[in-house]
């Protein structure tokens, strides 16, 4: 059985945003993760609506989730609410 903690540690904290070189978990791009046995649904966002790496990020994350033992993976991209960096992240980015 796949767990949320497994996905956080083995996928979300290991996959870096191609532009910022910070993992998608730390960036706060993962809004929701639902697991029903071997079916995984992830709701995520990007740092901007026009993210040129968006489609590649979705495919890469799907592949990594399948490697964790999932039999079905769906990834929903949303921009509601729009992504905003946390204060801690703003400090990391120097903004």
PDB file of N, CA and C in Angstrom:
ATOM      1  N   UNK A   1       0.843  -1.192   0.000  1.00  0.00           N
ATOM      2  CA  UNK A   1       0.000   0.000   0.000  1.00  0.00           C
ATOM      3  C   UNK A   1       0.884   1.251   0.000  1.00  0.00           C
ATOM      4  N   UNK A   2       0.515   2.209  -0.779  1.00  0.00           N
ATOM      5  CA  UNK A   2       1.244   3.469  -0.875  1.00  0.00           C
ATOM      6  C   UNK A   2       0.715   4.408   0.213  1.00  0.00           C
ATOM      7  N   UNK A   3       1.629   5.122   0.864  1.00  0.00           N
ATOM      8  CA  UNK A   3       1.210   6.077   1.882  1.00  0.00           C
ATOM      9  C   UNK A   3       1.550   7.496   1.439  1.00  0.00           C
ATOM     10  N   UNK A   4       0.855   8.453   2.039  1.00  0.00           N
ATOM     11  CA  UNK A   4       1.127   9.851   1.743  1.00  0.00           C
ATOM     12  C   UNK A   4       2.567  10.194   2.136  1.00  0.00           C
ATOM     13  N   UNK A   5       3.007   9.678   3.281  1.00  0.00           N
ATOM     14  CA  UNK A   5       4.369   9.942   3.739  1.00  0.00           C
ATOM     15  C   UNK A   5       5.396   9.416   2.736  1.00  0.00           C
ATOM     16  N   UNK A   6       5.112   8.257   2.166  1.00  0.00           N
ATOM     17  CA  UNK A   6       5.997   7.668   1.151  1.00  0.00           C
ATOM     18  C   UNK A   6       6.097   8.592  -0.059  1.00  0.00           C
ATOM     19  N   UNK A   7       4.968   9.128  -0.501  1.00  0.00           N
ATOM     20  CA  UNK A   7       4.978  10.036  -1.647  1.00  0.00           C
ATOM     21  C   UNK A   7       5.714  11.329  -1.316  1.00  0.00           C
ATOM     22  N   UNK A   8       5.502  11.838  -0.114  1.00  0.00           N
ATOM     23  CA  UNK A   8       6.180  13.068   0.284  1.00  0.00           C
ATOM     24  C   UNK A   8       7.695  12.865   0.261  1.00  0.00           C
ATOM     25  N   UNK A   9       8.158  11.804   0.915  1.00  0.00           N
ATOM     26  CA  UNK A   9       9.600  11.575   1.040  1.00  0.00           C
ATOM     27  C   UNK A   9      10.266  11.120  -0.262  1.00  0.00           C
ATOM     28  N   UNK A  10       9.602  10.239  -1.011  1.00  0.00           N
ATOM     29  CA  UNK A  10      10.233   9.616  -2.182  1.00  0.00           C
ATOM     30  C   UNK A  10       9.926  10.286  -3.516  1.00  0.00           C
ATOM     31  N   UNK A  11       8.934  11.174  -3.517  1.00  0.00           N
ATOM     32  CA  UNK A  11       8.577  11.837  -4.769  1.00  0.00           C
ATOM     33  C   UNK A  11       8.642  13.354  -4.603  1.00  0.00           C
ATOM     34  N   UNK A  12       7.761  13.919  -3.789  1.00  0.00           N
ATOM     35  CA  UNK A  12       7.615  15.374  -3.716  1.00  0.00           C
ATOM     36  C   UNK A  12       8.855  16.088  -3.177  1.00  0.00           C
ATOM     37  N   UNK A  13       9.549  15.481  -2.232  1.00  0.00           N
ATOM     38  CA  UNK A  13      10.759  16.113  -1.697  1.00  0.00           C
ATOM     39  C   UNK A  13      11.990  15.827  -2.557  1.00  0.00           C
ATOM     40  N   UNK A  14      11.849  14.944  -3.528  1.00  0.00           N
ATOM     41  CA  UNK A  14      12.983  14.627  -4.413  1.00  0.00           C
ATOM     42  C   UNK A  14      12.864  15.294  -5.784  1.00  0.00           C
ATOM     43  N   UNK A  15      11.638  15.726  -6.128  1.00  0.00           N
ATOM     44  CA  UNK A  15      11.464  16.339  -7.450  1.00  0.00           C
ATOM     45  C   UNK A  15      11.584  17.856  -7.342  1.00  0.00           C
ATOM     46  N   UNK A  16      12.578  18.411  -8.017  1.00  0.00           N
ATOM     47  CA  UNK A  16      12.828  19.848  -7.960  1.00  0.00           C
ATOM     48  C   UNK A  16      12.176  20.584  -9.114  1.00  0.00           C
ATOM     49  N   UNK A  17      11.627  21.740  -8.806  1.00  0.00           N
ATOM     50  CA  UNK A  17      11.118  22.640  -9.840  1.00  0.00           C
ATOM     51  C   UNK A  17      12.313  22.984 -10.735  1.00  0.00           C
ATOM     52  N   UNK A  18      12.175  22.782 -12.054  1.00  0.00           N
ATOM     53  CA  UNK A  18      13.315  22.997 -12.965  1.00  0.00           C
ATOM     54  C   UNK A  18      13.863  24.423 -12.978  1.00  0.00           C
ATOM     55  N   UNK A  19      13.046  25.407 -12.645  1.00  0.00           N
ATOM     56  CA  UNK A  19      13.518  26.791 -12.675  1.00  0.00           C
ATOM     57  C   UNK A  19      14.126  27.227 -11.349  1.00  0.00           C
ATOM     58  N   UNK A  20      13.522  26.795 -10.240  1.00  0.00           N
ATOM     59  CA  UNK A  20      13.960  27.276  -8.929  1.00  0.00           C
ATOM     60  C   UNK A  20      14.912  26.326  -8.212  1.00  0.00           C
ATOM     61  N   UNK A  21      15.001  25.081  -8.693  1.00  0.00           N
ATOM     62  CA  UNK A  21      15.866  24.072  -8.078  1.00  0.00           C
ATOM     63  C   UNK A  21      15.569  23.845  -6.599  1.00  0.00           C
ATOM     64  N   UNK A  22      14.287  23.910  -6.262  1.00  0.00           N
ATOM     65  CA  UNK A  22      13.791  23.605  -4.922  1.00  0.00           C
ATOM     66  C   UNK A  22      12.688  22.580  -5.108  1.00  0.00           C
ATOM     67  N   UNK A  23      12.622  21.607  -4.205  1.00  0.00           N
ATOM     68  CA  UNK A  23      11.628  20.548  -4.383  1.00  0.00           C
ATOM     69  C   UNK A  23      10.198  21.086  -4.301  1.00  0.00           C
ATOM     70  N   UNK A  24       9.289  20.390  -4.987  1.00  0.00           N
ATOM     71  CA  UNK A  24       7.901  20.847  -5.096  1.00  0.00           C
ATOM     72  C   UNK A  24       7.176  20.826  -3.751  1.00  0.00           C
ATOM     73  N   UNK A  25       7.622  19.994  -2.811  1.00  0.00           N
ATOM     74  CA  UNK A  25       7.000  19.959  -1.485  1.00  0.00           C
ATOM     75  C   UNK A  25       7.358  21.230  -0.705  1.00  0.00           C
ATOM     76  N   UNK A  26       8.630  21.567  -0.675  1.00  0.00           N
ATOM     77  CA  UNK A  26       9.083  22.774   0.027  1.00  0.00           C
ATOM     78  C   UNK A  26       8.477  24.023  -0.596  1.00  0.00           C
ATOM     79  N   UNK A  27       8.339  24.024  -1.913  1.00  0.00           N
ATOM     80  CA  UNK A  27       7.734  25.169  -2.597  1.00  0.00           C
ATOM     81  C   UNK A  27       6.254  25.324  -2.282  1.00  0.00           C
ATOM     82  N   UNK A  28       5.634  24.265  -1.802  1.00  0.00           N
ATOM     83  CA  UNK A  28       4.203  24.337  -1.508  1.00  0.00           C
ATOM     84  C   UNK A  28       3.341  24.170  -2.745  1.00  0.00           C
ATOM     85  N   UNK A  29       3.861  23.482  -3.760  1.00  0.00           N
ATOM     86  CA  UNK A  29       3.116  23.294  -5.002  1.00  0.00           C
ATOM     87  C   UNK A  29       2.114  22.140  -4.922  1.00  0.00           C
ATOM     88  N   UNK A  30       2.268  21.267  -3.938  1.00  0.00           N
ATOM     89  CA  UNK A  30       1.347  20.140  -3.781  1.00  0.00           C
ATOM     90  C   UNK A  30       0.232  20.574  -2.841  1.00  0.00           C
ATOM     91  N   UNK A  31      -0.981  20.687  -3.376  1.00  0.00           N
ATOM     92  CA  UNK A  31      -2.122  21.135  -2.580  1.00  0.00           C
ATOM     93  C   UNK A  31      -2.852  19.983  -1.913  1.00  0.00           C
ATOM     94  N   UNK A  32      -2.890  18.832  -2.572  1.00  0.00           N
ATOM     95  CA  UNK A  32      -3.674  17.725  -2.037  1.00  0.00           C
ATOM     96  C   UNK A  32      -3.170  16.401  -2.594  1.00  0.00           C
ATOM     97  N   UNK A  33      -3.219  15.375  -1.759  1.00  0.00           N
ATOM     98  CA  UNK A  33      -2.860  14.025  -2.187  1.00  0.00           C
ATOM     99  C   UNK A  33      -3.904  13.071  -1.632  1.00  0.00           C
ATOM    100  N   UNK A  34      -4.544  12.317  -2.505  1.00  0.00           N
ATOM    101  CA  UNK A  34      -5.522  11.315  -2.086  1.00  0.00           C
ATOM    102  C   UNK A  34      -5.045   9.952  -2.572  1.00  0.00           C
ATOM    103  N   UNK A  35      -5.118   8.979  -1.679  1.00  0.00           N
ATOM    104  CA  UNK A  35      -4.692   7.626  -2.025  1.00  0.00           C
ATOM    105  C   UNK A  35      -5.819   6.666  -1.678  1.00  0.00           C
ATOM    106  N   UNK A  36      -6.213   5.871  -2.664  1.00  0.00           N
ATOM    107  CA  UNK A  36      -7.217   4.823  -2.466  1.00  0.00           C
ATOM    108  C   UNK A  36      -6.580   3.534  -2.969  1.00  0.00           C
ATOM    109  N   UNK A  37      -5.986   2.807  -2.028  1.00  0.00           N
ATOM    110  CA  UNK A  37      -5.222   1.599  -2.327  1.00  0.00           C
ATOM    111  C   UNK A  37      -4.085   1.937  -3.282  1.00  0.00           C
ATOM    112  N   UNK A  38      -4.187   1.578  -4.562  1.00  0.00           N
ATOM    113  CA  UNK A  38      -3.083   1.864  -5.494  1.00  0.00           C
ATOM    114  C   UNK A  38      -3.465   2.934  -6.513  1.00  0.00           C
ATOM    115  N   UNK A  39      -4.510   3.710  -6.192  1.00  0.00           N
ATOM    116  CA  UNK A  39      -4.913   4.841  -7.029  1.00  0.00           C
ATOM    117  C   UNK A  39      -4.501   6.122  -6.313  1.00  0.00           C
ATOM    118  N   UNK A  40      -3.774   6.965  -7.019  1.00  0.00           N
ATOM    119  CA  UNK A  40      -3.270   8.201  -6.424  1.00  0.00           C
ATOM    120  C   UNK A  40      -3.780   9.386  -7.218  1.00  0.00           C
ATOM    121  N   UNK A  41      -4.290  10.377  -6.488  1.00  0.00           N
ATOM    122  CA  UNK A  41      -4.701  11.640  -7.117  1.00  0.00           C
ATOM    123  C   UNK A  41      -3.942  12.759  -6.424  1.00  0.00           C
ATOM    124  N   UNK A  42      -3.328  13.609  -7.229  1.00  0.00           N
ATOM    125  CA  UNK A  42      -2.566  14.735  -6.708  1.00  0.00           C
ATOM    126  C   UNK A  42      -3.134  16.010  -7.318  1.00  0.00           C
ATOM    127  N   UNK A  43      -3.332  17.007  -6.474  1.00  0.00           N
ATOM    128  CA  UNK A  43      -3.714  18.336  -6.946  1.00  0.00           C
ATOM    129  C   UNK A  43      -2.513  19.232  -6.684  1.00  0.00           C
ATOM    130  N   UNK A  44      -2.049  19.866  -7.735  1.00  0.00           N
ATOM    131  CA  UNK A  44      -0.872  20.723  -7.600  1.00  0.00           C
ATOM    132  C   UNK A  44      -1.028  21.987  -8.407  1.00  0.00           C
ATOM    133  N   UNK A  45      -0.115  22.896  -8.184  1.00  0.00           N
ATOM    134  CA  UNK A  45      -0.078  24.131  -8.937  1.00  0.00           C
ATOM    135  C   UNK A  45       1.346  24.363  -9.411  1.00  0.00           C
ATOM    136  N   UNK A  46       1.525  25.403 -10.165  1.00  0.00           N
ATOM    137  CA  UNK A  46       2.855  25.806 -10.614  1.00  0.00           C
ATOM    138  C   UNK A  46       3.133  27.202 -10.074  1.00  0.00           C
ATOM    139  N   UNK A  47       4.370  27.624 -10.147  1.00  0.00           N
ATOM    140  CA  UNK A  47       4.711  28.953  -9.641  1.00  0.00           C
ATOM    141  C   UNK A  47       4.099  30.061 -10.495  1.00  0.00           C
ATOM    142  N   UNK A  48       3.752  29.741 -11.739  1.00  0.00           N
ATOM    143  CA  UNK A  48       3.060  30.711 -12.594  1.00  0.00           C
ATOM    144  C   UNK A  48       2.156  29.962 -13.576  1.00  0.00           C
ATOM    145  N   UNK A  49       1.121  30.639 -14.014  1.00  0.00           N
ATOM    146  CA  UNK A  49       0.168  30.044 -14.952  1.00  0.00           C
ATOM    147  C   UNK A  49       0.858  29.644 -16.251  1.00  0.00           C
ATOM    148  N   UNK A  50       1.843  30.399 -16.671  1.00  0.00           N
ATOM    149  CA  UNK A  50       2.524  30.147 -17.939  1.00  0.00           C
ATOM    150  C   UNK A  50       3.816  29.338 -17.760  1.00  0.00           C
ATOM    151  N   UNK A  51       3.893  28.535 -16.723  1.00  0.00           N
ATOM    152  CA  UNK A  51       5.093  27.740 -16.451  1.00  0.00           C
ATOM    153  C   UNK A  51       5.444  26.877 -17.669  1.00  0.00           C
ATOM    154  N   UNK A  52       6.592  27.125 -18.295  1.00  0.00           N
ATOM    155  CA  UNK A  52       6.950  26.363 -19.484  1.00  0.00           C
ATOM    156  C   UNK A  52       7.277  24.893 -19.184  1.00  0.00           C
ATOM    157  N   UNK A  53       7.564  24.593 -17.922  1.00  0.00           N
ATOM    158  CA  UNK A  53       7.924  23.228 -17.544  1.00  0.00           C
ATOM    159  C   UNK A  53       6.733  22.430 -17.009  1.00  0.00           C
ATOM    160  N   UNK A  54       5.550  23.049 -16.949  1.00  0.00           N
ATOM    161  CA  UNK A  54       4.374  22.403 -16.374  1.00  0.00           C
ATOM    162  C   UNK A  54       4.092  21.009 -16.905  1.00  0.00           C
ATOM    163  N   UNK A  55       3.921  20.834 -18.207  1.00  0.00           N
ATOM    164  CA  UNK A  55       3.630  19.499 -18.730  1.00  0.00           C
ATOM    165  C   UNK A  55       4.716  18.468 -18.402  1.00  0.00           C
ATOM    166  N   UNK A  56       5.969  18.877 -18.457  1.00  0.00           N
ATOM    167  CA  UNK A  56       7.065  17.956 -18.133  1.00  0.00           C
ATOM    168  C   UNK A  56       7.044  17.591 -16.656  1.00  0.00           C
ATOM    169  N   UNK A  57       6.743  18.561 -15.804  1.00  0.00           N
ATOM    170  CA  UNK A  57       6.667  18.292 -14.366  1.00  0.00           C
ATOM    171  C   UNK A  57       5.578  17.260 -14.068  1.00  0.00           C
ATOM    172  N   UNK A  58       4.422  17.419 -14.702  1.00  0.00           N
ATOM    173  CA  UNK A  58       3.319  16.475 -14.496  1.00  0.00           C
ATOM    174  C   UNK A  58       3.747  15.070 -14.912  1.00  0.00           C
ATOM    175  N   UNK A  59       4.361  14.940 -16.072  1.00  0.00           N
ATOM    176  CA  UNK A  59       4.794  13.621 -16.552  1.00  0.00           C
ATOM    177  C   UNK A  59       5.864  13.009 -15.646  1.00  0.00           C
ATOM    178  N   UNK A  60       6.810  13.827 -15.219  1.00  0.00           N
ATOM    179  CA  UNK A  60       7.874  13.330 -14.337  1.00  0.00           C
ATOM    180  C   UNK A  60       7.297  12.852 -13.001  1.00  0.00           C
ATOM    181  N   UNK A  61       6.393  13.630 -12.431  1.00  0.00           N
ATOM    182  CA  UNK A  61       5.784  13.251 -11.152  1.00  0.00           C
ATOM    183  C   UNK A  61       4.956  11.979 -11.292  1.00  0.00           C
ATOM    184  N   UNK A  62       4.206  11.874 -12.389  1.00  0.00           N
ATOM    185  CA  UNK A  62       3.426  10.647 -12.619  1.00  0.00           C
ATOM    186  C   UNK A  62       4.346   9.431 -12.645  1.00  0.00           C
ATOM    187  N   UNK A  63       5.423   9.539 -13.383  1.00  0.00           N
ATOM    188  CA  UNK A  63       6.377   8.425 -13.497  1.00  0.00           C
ATOM    189  C   UNK A  63       6.915   8.045 -12.122  1.00  0.00           C
ATOM    190  N   UNK A  64       7.286   9.032 -11.328  1.00  0.00           N
ATOM    191  CA  UNK A  64       7.831   8.767 -10.001  1.00  0.00           C
ATOM    192  C   UNK A  64       6.792   8.118  -9.082  1.00  0.00           C
ATOM    193  N   UNK A  65       5.534   8.532  -9.216  1.00  0.00           N
ATOM    194  CA  UNK A  65       4.465   7.944  -8.391  1.00  0.00           C
ATOM    195  C   UNK A  65       4.213   6.502  -8.821  1.00  0.00           C
ATOM    196  N   UNK A  66       4.212   6.242 -10.116  1.00  0.00           N
ATOM    197  CA  UNK A  66       4.069   4.853 -10.590  1.00  0.00           C
ATOM    198  C   UNK A  66       5.200   3.987 -10.037  1.00  0.00           C
ATOM    199  N   UNK A  67       6.397   4.532  -9.960  1.00  0.00           N
ATOM    200  CA  UNK A  67       7.545   3.784  -9.438  1.00  0.00           C
ATOM    201  C   UNK A  67       7.378   3.433  -7.957  1.00  0.00           C
ATOM    202  N   UNK A  68       6.477   4.122  -7.262  1.00  0.00           N
ATOM    203  CA  UNK A  68       6.204   3.822  -5.859  1.00  0.00           C
ATOM    204  C   UNK A  68       5.171   2.705  -5.704  1.00  0.00           C
ATOM    205  N   UNK A  69       4.659   2.202  -6.838  1.00  0.00           N
ATOM    206  CA  UNK A  69       3.718   1.090  -6.792  1.00  0.00           C
ATOM    207  C   UNK A  69       2.288   1.440  -7.145  1.00  0.00           C
ATOM    208  N   UNK A  70       2.038   2.661  -7.546  1.00  0.00           N
ATOM    209  CA  UNK A  70       0.684   3.049  -7.942  1.00  0.00           C
ATOM    210  C   UNK A  70       0.299   2.355  -9.243  1.00  0.00           C
ATOM    211  N   UNK A  71      -0.967   2.016  -9.363  1.00  0.00           N
ATOM    212  CA  UNK A  71      -1.479   1.420 -10.596  1.00  0.00           C
ATOM    213  C   UNK A  71      -2.246   2.441 -11.423  1.00  0.00           C
ATOM    214  N   UNK A  72      -2.697   3.504 -10.760  1.00  0.00           N
ATOM    215  CA  UNK A  72      -3.427   4.568 -11.445  1.00  0.00           C
ATOM    216  C   UNK A  72      -3.016   5.893 -10.815  1.00  0.00           C
ATOM    217  N   UNK A  73      -2.661   6.859 -11.660  1.00  0.00           N
ATOM    218  CA  UNK A  73      -2.234   8.169 -11.166  1.00  0.00           C
ATOM    219  C   UNK A  73      -2.947   9.250 -11.958  1.00  0.00           C
ATOM    220  N   UNK A  74      -3.575  10.171 -11.231  1.00  0.00           N
ATOM    221  CA  UNK A  74      -4.140  11.340 -11.895  1.00  0.00           C
ATOM    222  C   UNK A  74      -3.587  12.580 -11.216  1.00  0.00           C
ATOM    223  N   UNK A  75      -3.199  13.531 -12.023  1.00  0.00           N
ATOM    224  CA  UNK A  75      -2.665  14.784 -11.504  1.00  0.00           C
ATOM    225  C   UNK A  75      -3.515  15.915 -12.064  1.00  0.00           C
ATOM    226  N   UNK A  76      -4.089  16.663 -11.140  1.00  0.00           N
ATOM    227  CA  UNK A  76      -4.922  17.814 -11.508  1.00  0.00           C
ATOM    228  C   UNK A  76      -4.121  19.078 -11.233  1.00  0.00           C
ATOM    229  N   UNK A  77      -4.056  19.947 -12.222  1.00  0.00           N
ATOM    230  CA  UNK A  77      -3.367  21.223 -12.061  1.00  0.00           C
ATOM    231  C   UNK A  77      -4.414  22.292 -11.795  1.00  0.00           C
ATOM    232  N   UNK A  78      -4.193  23.077 -10.762  1.00  0.00           N
ATOM    233  CA  UNK A  78      -5.117  24.149 -10.425  1.00  0.00           C
ATOM    234  C   UNK A  78      -4.341  25.428 -10.156  1.00  0.00           C
ATOM    235  N   UNK A  79      -5.007  26.534 -10.310  1.00  0.00           N
ATOM    236  CA  UNK A  79      -4.403  27.816  -9.978  1.00  0.00           C
ATOM    237  C   UNK A  79      -5.262  28.542  -8.954  1.00  0.00           C
ATOM    238  N   UNK A  80      -6.101  27.762  -8.263  1.00  0.00           N
ATOM    239  CA  UNK A  80      -6.957  28.290  -7.217  1.00  0.00           C
ATOM    240  C   UNK A  80      -6.667  27.531  -5.944  1.00  0.00           C
ATOM    241  N   UNK A  81      -6.090  28.125  -4.954  1.00  0.00           N
ATOM    242  CA  UNK A  81      -5.623  29.515  -4.940  1.00  0.00           C
ATOM    243  C   UNK A  81      -4.300  29.654  -5.690  1.00  0.00           C
ATOM    244  N   UNK A  82      -4.010  30.857  -6.156  1.00  0.00           N
ATOM    245  CA  UNK A  82      -2.739  31.078  -6.827  1.00  0.00           C
ATOM    246  C   UNK A  82      -1.584  30.822  -5.858  1.00  0.00           C
ATOM    247  N   UNK A  83      -0.499  30.300  -6.380  1.00  0.00           N
ATOM    248  CA  UNK A  83       0.669  30.015  -5.549  1.00  0.00           C
ATOM    249  C   UNK A  83       1.301  31.303  -5.063  1.00  0.00           C
ATOM    250  N   UNK A  84       1.654  31.319  -3.783  1.00  0.00           N
ATOM    251  CA  UNK A  84       2.415  32.428  -3.197  1.00  0.00           C
ATOM    252  C   UNK A  84       3.483  31.812  -2.308  1.00  0.00           C
ATOM    253  N   UNK A  85       4.716  32.268  -2.430  1.00  0.00           N
ATOM    254  CA  UNK A  85       5.767  31.715  -1.576  1.00  0.00           C
ATOM    255  C   UNK A  85       5.568  32.135  -0.127  1.00  0.00           C
ATOM    256  N   UNK A  86       5.875  31.219   0.785  1.00  0.00           N
ATOM    257  CA  UNK A  86       5.816  31.527   2.216  1.00  0.00           C
ATOM    258  C   UNK A  86       6.935  32.508   2.555  1.00  0.00           C
ATOM    259  N   UNK A  87       6.862  33.079   3.745  1.00  0.00           N
ATOM    260  CA  UNK A  87       7.923  33.999   4.178  1.00  0.00           C
ATOM    261  C   UNK A  87       9.268  33.266   4.211  1.00  0.00           C
ATOM    262  N   UNK A  88       9.272  32.043   4.717  1.00  0.00           N
ATOM    263  CA  UNK A  88      10.501  31.258   4.791  1.00  0.00           C
ATOM    264  C   UNK A  88      11.071  31.026   3.388  1.00  0.00           C
ATOM    265  N   UNK A  89      10.198  30.703   2.458  1.00  0.00           N
ATOM    266  CA  UNK A  89      10.629  30.474   1.088  1.00  0.00           C
ATOM    267  C   UNK A  89      11.119  31.756   0.440  1.00  0.00           C
ATOM    268  N   UNK A  90      10.461  32.867   0.726  1.00  0.00           N
ATOM    269  CA  UNK A  90      10.905  34.161   0.192  1.00  0.00           C
ATOM    270  C   UNK A  90      12.336  34.447   0.655  1.00  0.00           C
ATOM    271  N   UNK A  91      12.636  34.119   1.909  1.00  0.00           N
ATOM    272  CA  UNK A  91      13.988  34.316   2.426  1.00  0.00           C
ATOM    273  C   UNK A  91      14.982  33.426   1.683  1.00  0.00           C
ATOM    274  N   UNK A  92      14.577  32.137   1.439  1.00  0.00           N
ATOM    275  CA  UNK A  92      15.447  31.213   0.716  1.00  0.00           C
ATOM    276  C   UNK A  92      15.752  31.722  -0.686  1.00  0.00           C
ATOM    277  N   UNK A  93      14.738  32.337  -1.307  1.00  0.00           N
ATOM    278  CA  UNK A  93      14.871  32.817  -2.692  1.00  0.00           C
ATOM    279  C   UNK A  93      15.509  34.206  -2.746  1.00  0.00           C
ATOM    280  N   UNK A  94      15.618  34.856  -1.593  1.00  0.00           N
ATOM    281  CA  UNK A  94      16.211  36.181  -1.559  1.00  0.00           C
ATOM    282  C   UNK A  94      15.317  37.271  -2.091  1.00  0.00           C
ATOM    283  N   UNK A  95      13.998  37.091  -1.908  1.00  0.00           N
ATOM    284  CA  UNK A  95      13.057  38.140  -2.359  1.00  0.00           C
ATOM    285  C   UNK A  95      12.250  38.688  -1.209  1.00  0.00           C
TER     286      UNK A  95
END
